[in-house]
N, C-alpha and C. Protein backbone atom coordinates (compact mmCIF):
# COMPACT_ATOMS: atom_id res chain seq x y z
N MET A 1 -16.00 14.72 8.04
CA MET A 1 -16.68 15.73 7.14
C MET A 1 -15.89 15.59 5.57
N ASN A 2 -17.05 15.47 5.03
CA ASN A 2 -16.80 15.32 3.17
C ASN A 2 -16.86 16.36 2.58
N ARG A 3 -15.43 16.37 1.64
CA ARG A 3 -14.73 17.49 1.03
C ARG A 3 -14.54 16.84 -0.32
N LEU A 4 -15.49 18.28 -1.13
CA LEU A 4 -14.91 18.13 -2.75
C LEU A 4 -13.52 18.38 -2.97
N THR A 5 -12.51 17.72 -3.21
CA THR A 5 -10.84 18.20 -4.02
C THR A 5 -10.48 17.74 -5.40
N THR A 6 -9.65 18.44 -5.79
CA THR A 6 -9.54 17.86 -7.18
C THR A 6 -8.18 17.49 -7.35
N GLU A 7 -7.24 17.85 -5.59
CA GLU A 7 -6.09 16.29 -5.76
C GLU A 7 -6.39 15.58 -5.35
N PRO A 8 -5.83 14.51 -6.11
CA PRO A 8 -6.03 13.10 -5.90
C PRO A 8 -5.03 12.54 -4.74
N GLU A 9 -5.63 11.38 -4.06
CA GLU A 9 -5.29 11.03 -3.36
C GLU A 9 -4.06 10.21 -3.49
N HIS A 10 -3.59 9.40 -2.62
CA HIS A 10 -2.67 8.51 -2.29
C HIS A 10 -2.47 6.69 -2.59
N THR A 11 -3.33 6.71 -4.22
CA THR A 11 -4.20 5.35 -4.30
C THR A 11 -3.31 5.28 -5.78
N PRO A 12 -3.03 4.32 -5.95
CA PRO A 12 -2.54 3.58 -6.83
C PRO A 12 -3.17 3.95 -8.56
N ARG A 13 -2.32 4.67 -9.52
CA ARG A 13 -2.23 4.03 -10.41
C ARG A 13 -2.26 3.25 -11.41
N ARG A 14 -3.33 2.46 -11.70
CA ARG A 14 -2.70 1.35 -12.06
C ARG A 14 -3.21 1.03 -14.19
N PRO A 15 -2.71 0.69 -14.81
CA PRO A 15 -1.71 -0.33 -14.55
C PRO A 15 -0.57 -0.47 -13.85
N ASP A 16 0.31 0.58 -13.66
CA ASP A 16 1.51 0.95 -13.47
C ASP A 16 1.71 0.97 -12.05
N TRP A 17 1.25 1.24 -11.24
CA TRP A 17 1.43 1.15 -10.04
C TRP A 17 1.60 1.74 -9.47
N ILE A 18 1.59 3.39 -9.88
CA ILE A 18 2.37 4.66 -9.11
C ILE A 18 1.20 5.03 -8.73
N CYS A 19 2.14 6.06 -7.28
CA CYS A 19 1.08 7.20 -6.63
C CYS A 19 -0.19 7.99 -7.11
N ARG A 20 -0.55 8.09 -7.58
CA ARG A 20 -1.44 9.34 -8.05
C ARG A 20 -1.38 10.54 -7.57
N HIS A 21 -0.62 10.91 -6.75
CA HIS A 21 -0.71 12.29 -5.87
C HIS A 21 0.81 12.37 -5.99
N CYS A 22 1.80 11.55 -5.92
CA CYS A 22 3.42 12.31 -5.41
C CYS A 22 3.95 10.91 -6.75
N TYR A 23 3.50 10.62 -7.53
CA TYR A 23 3.87 9.62 -8.82
C TYR A 23 5.48 8.73 -8.05
N ARG A 24 5.28 7.96 -6.85
CA ARG A 24 6.18 7.69 -6.46
C ARG A 24 5.57 5.99 -6.28
N PRO A 25 6.30 4.96 -6.27
CA PRO A 25 5.83 3.85 -6.31
C PRO A 25 4.84 3.40 -5.59
N TRP A 26 3.70 3.12 -5.61
CA TRP A 26 2.66 2.72 -4.48
C TRP A 26 3.00 1.05 -3.99
N PRO A 27 2.55 1.07 -2.62
CA PRO A 27 2.60 2.47 -1.88
C PRO A 27 3.82 3.05 -1.41
N CYS A 28 3.62 4.54 -1.53
CA CYS A 28 4.41 5.94 -0.89
C CYS A 28 4.24 5.92 0.18
N PRO A 29 5.60 6.14 0.71
CA PRO A 29 5.48 5.93 1.92
C PRO A 29 4.56 7.26 2.76
N ALA A 30 4.16 8.08 2.18
CA ALA A 30 2.54 8.92 2.64
C ALA A 30 1.33 7.69 2.84
N ARG A 31 1.01 7.04 1.53
CA ARG A 31 -0.05 6.15 2.17
C ARG A 31 0.55 4.61 2.72
N GLN A 32 1.62 4.35 3.24
CA GLN A 32 1.95 3.82 3.76
C GLN A 32 1.80 4.14 5.38
N ALA A 33 2.78 5.21 5.82
CA ALA A 33 2.06 6.05 7.01
C ALA A 33 0.23 6.28 7.26
N MET A 34 -0.38 6.14 6.11
CA MET A 34 -1.61 6.04 6.19
C MET A 34 -2.37 4.95 6.73
N LEU A 35 -1.51 4.01 5.80
CA LEU A 35 -2.44 2.84 5.97
C LEU A 35 -1.71 2.16 7.57
N VAL A 36 -1.11 2.23 8.56
CA VAL A 36 -0.53 2.10 9.54
C VAL A 36 -1.77 2.75 10.63
N ALA A 37 -1.63 4.27 10.12
CA ALA A 37 -2.41 4.73 10.64
C ALA A 37 -4.30 4.28 11.04
N GLU A 38 -4.85 3.71 9.36
CA GLU A 38 -5.67 3.51 9.33
C GLU A 38 -6.37 1.78 9.87
N PHE A 39 -5.39 1.16 10.19
CA PHE A 39 -5.25 -0.16 10.51
C PHE A 39 -4.58 -0.56 11.61
N HIS A 40 -4.22 0.64 12.47
CA HIS A 40 -3.52 0.48 14.02
C HIS A 40 -4.29 -0.60 14.68
N ASP A 41 -5.23 -1.12 14.48
CA ASP A 41 -5.67 -2.06 15.72
C ASP A 41 -5.59 -3.38 14.69
N HIS A 42 -5.78 -3.16 13.50
CA HIS A 42 -6.05 -4.64 12.69
C HIS A 42 -4.80 -4.57 11.53
N PRO A 43 -4.05 -5.52 12.24
CA PRO A 43 -2.47 -5.63 11.39
C PRO A 43 -2.83 -6.73 10.15
N VAL A 44 -3.63 -7.43 10.63
CA VAL A 44 -4.23 -8.22 9.88
C VAL A 44 -4.72 -8.15 8.62
N SER A 45 -6.02 -7.67 9.00
CA SER A 45 -6.55 -6.59 7.75
C SER A 45 -5.38 -5.53 6.90
N VAL A 46 -4.47 -5.39 6.92
CA VAL A 46 -3.91 -4.28 6.30
C VAL A 46 -2.66 -5.62 5.44
N ALA A 47 -2.68 -6.43 6.35
CA ALA A 47 -1.40 -7.13 5.47
C ALA A 47 -2.21 -8.22 4.66
N LEU A 48 -3.48 -8.59 4.43
CA LEU A 48 -4.81 -9.16 3.65
C LEU A 48 -5.08 -8.38 2.47
N TYR A 49 -5.43 -6.84 3.11
CA TYR A 49 -5.34 -6.09 1.64
C TYR A 49 -4.21 -5.65 0.73
N LEU A 50 -3.08 -5.62 1.40
CA LEU A 50 -2.14 -5.51 0.73
C LEU A 50 -1.45 -6.60 0.10
N ALA A 51 -2.23 -7.79 0.73
CA ALA A 51 -1.44 -9.22 -0.23
C ALA A 51 -2.85 -9.05 -1.37
N GLY A 52 -3.80 -8.80 -1.55
CA GLY A 52 -4.36 -8.42 -2.38
C GLY A 52 -4.12 -7.18 -3.97
N CYS A 53 -3.71 -6.40 -3.22
CA CYS A 53 -2.71 -5.29 -4.35
C CYS A 53 -1.42 -6.37 -5.13
N PHE A 54 -0.97 -6.74 -4.02
CA PHE A 54 0.43 -7.77 -4.39
C PHE A 54 0.05 -8.42 -5.65
N HIS A 55 -0.58 -9.53 -5.67
CA HIS A 55 -1.95 -10.21 -6.42
C HIS A 55 -2.39 -9.35 -7.80
N GLU A 56 -2.82 -8.44 -7.55
CA GLU A 56 -3.51 -7.57 -8.97
C GLU A 56 -2.22 -6.92 -9.59
N ALA A 57 -1.24 -6.54 -8.43
CA ALA A 57 0.13 -5.68 -9.32
C ALA A 57 1.39 -6.74 -9.99
N SER A 58 1.15 -7.83 -9.46
CA SER A 58 2.02 -8.97 -10.18
C SER A 58 1.15 -9.37 -11.44
N GLU A 59 -0.08 -8.93 -12.25
CA GLU A 59 -0.36 -9.65 -12.86
C GLU A 59 -0.43 -8.29 -13.99
N HIS A 60 -0.42 -7.03 -13.35
CA HIS A 60 -0.31 -6.18 -14.02
C HIS A 60 1.85 -6.03 -14.38
N LEU A 61 2.24 -6.01 -13.68
CA LEU A 61 4.09 -5.58 -13.32
C LEU A 61 4.94 -7.03 -14.11
N PRO A 62 4.11 -7.74 -15.11
CA PRO A 62 4.90 -9.27 -15.34
C PRO A 62 6.36 -9.05 -15.70
N GLY A 63 6.84 -8.15 -14.99
CA GLY A 63 8.58 -7.66 -15.88
C GLY A 63 8.89 -7.72 -14.69
N VAL A 64 8.51 -7.21 -13.09
CA VAL A 64 8.86 -6.89 -11.58
C VAL A 64 8.73 -7.91 -11.11
N SER A 65 10.73 -8.69 -10.58
CA SER A 65 10.16 -9.93 -10.22
C SER A 65 9.09 -9.89 -8.72
N PRO A 66 8.78 -10.98 -8.44
CA PRO A 66 7.92 -11.26 -6.70
C PRO A 66 8.77 -10.33 -5.89
N GLU A 67 9.89 -10.33 -5.82
CA GLU A 67 10.86 -10.80 -4.72
C GLU A 67 10.95 -9.01 -4.78
N ILE A 68 10.63 -8.11 -5.68
CA ILE A 68 11.37 -6.44 -5.25
C ILE A 68 9.60 -6.10 -5.37
N LEU A 69 8.82 -6.77 -5.80
CA LEU A 69 7.41 -6.57 -5.56
C LEU A 69 6.92 -6.95 -4.15
N TYR A 70 7.06 -7.75 -4.06
CA TYR A 70 6.55 -8.25 -2.32
C TYR A 70 7.23 -7.37 -1.66
N ASN A 71 8.38 -6.64 -2.12
CA ASN A 71 9.38 -5.84 -0.69
C ASN A 71 8.34 -4.59 -0.90
N ARG A 72 7.86 -4.02 -2.01
CA ARG A 72 7.24 -2.74 -2.10
C ARG A 72 6.08 -3.01 -1.67
N MET A 73 5.55 -4.07 -1.98
CA MET A 73 4.00 -4.18 -1.38
C MET A 73 4.17 -4.20 0.34
N MET A 74 4.79 -5.29 0.46
CA MET A 74 4.69 -5.42 2.06
C MET A 74 5.49 -5.89 2.68
N GLY A 75 7.54 -5.68 2.13
CA GLY A 75 7.68 -5.93 3.16
C GLY A 75 8.20 -4.48 3.81
N TRP A 76 7.73 -3.50 3.93
CA TRP A 76 7.54 -2.68 4.88
C TRP A 76 6.19 -3.02 6.34
N LEU A 77 5.69 -4.01 5.94
CA LEU A 77 5.11 -3.80 7.29
C LEU A 77 5.17 -4.57 8.49
N PRO A 78 5.72 -4.27 9.58
CA PRO A 78 6.12 -4.02 10.54
C PRO A 78 6.17 -6.14 10.94
N ARG A 79 7.04 -6.70 11.43
CA ARG A 79 6.70 -8.11 11.52
C ARG A 79 6.53 -8.61 12.76
N THR A 80 6.82 -7.68 14.04
CA THR A 80 6.29 -7.61 15.53
C THR A 80 4.49 -7.51 15.69
N ARG A 81 4.70 -8.23 16.53
CA ARG A 81 3.16 -7.88 17.13
C ARG A 81 2.95 -7.01 18.28
N ARG A 82 2.09 -5.86 18.32
CA ARG A 82 2.36 -5.20 19.13
C ARG A 82 1.10 -5.38 20.63
N PRO A 83 1.89 -5.56 21.81
CA PRO A 83 1.20 -5.79 23.48
C PRO A 83 0.20 -5.41 22.92
N LYS A 84 -0.38 -5.59 23.84
CA LYS A 84 -2.01 -5.21 24.38
C LYS A 84 -2.01 -3.61 25.17
N GLU A 85 -2.44 -3.24 25.18
CA GLU A 85 -2.35 -0.92 25.68
C GLU A 85 -3.38 -1.67 26.95
């Protein structure tokens, strides 16, 4: 069901890449949990999506080191493959 809301979602506010909802660096912990749930069966897809965000954020945030930005955008992703259920 679609519903109208005035509350912003946990999406990035560009160009500073801050969460529109909780004002934490994006992806905030809430968005991380949403991405894990949304892409549960498609870990490569979420990694590719975040790689695109990383690329875009690196252009918007030239003062942030690539290592810090990588850890923020993708460093939280699980590194192991889940066994098939």
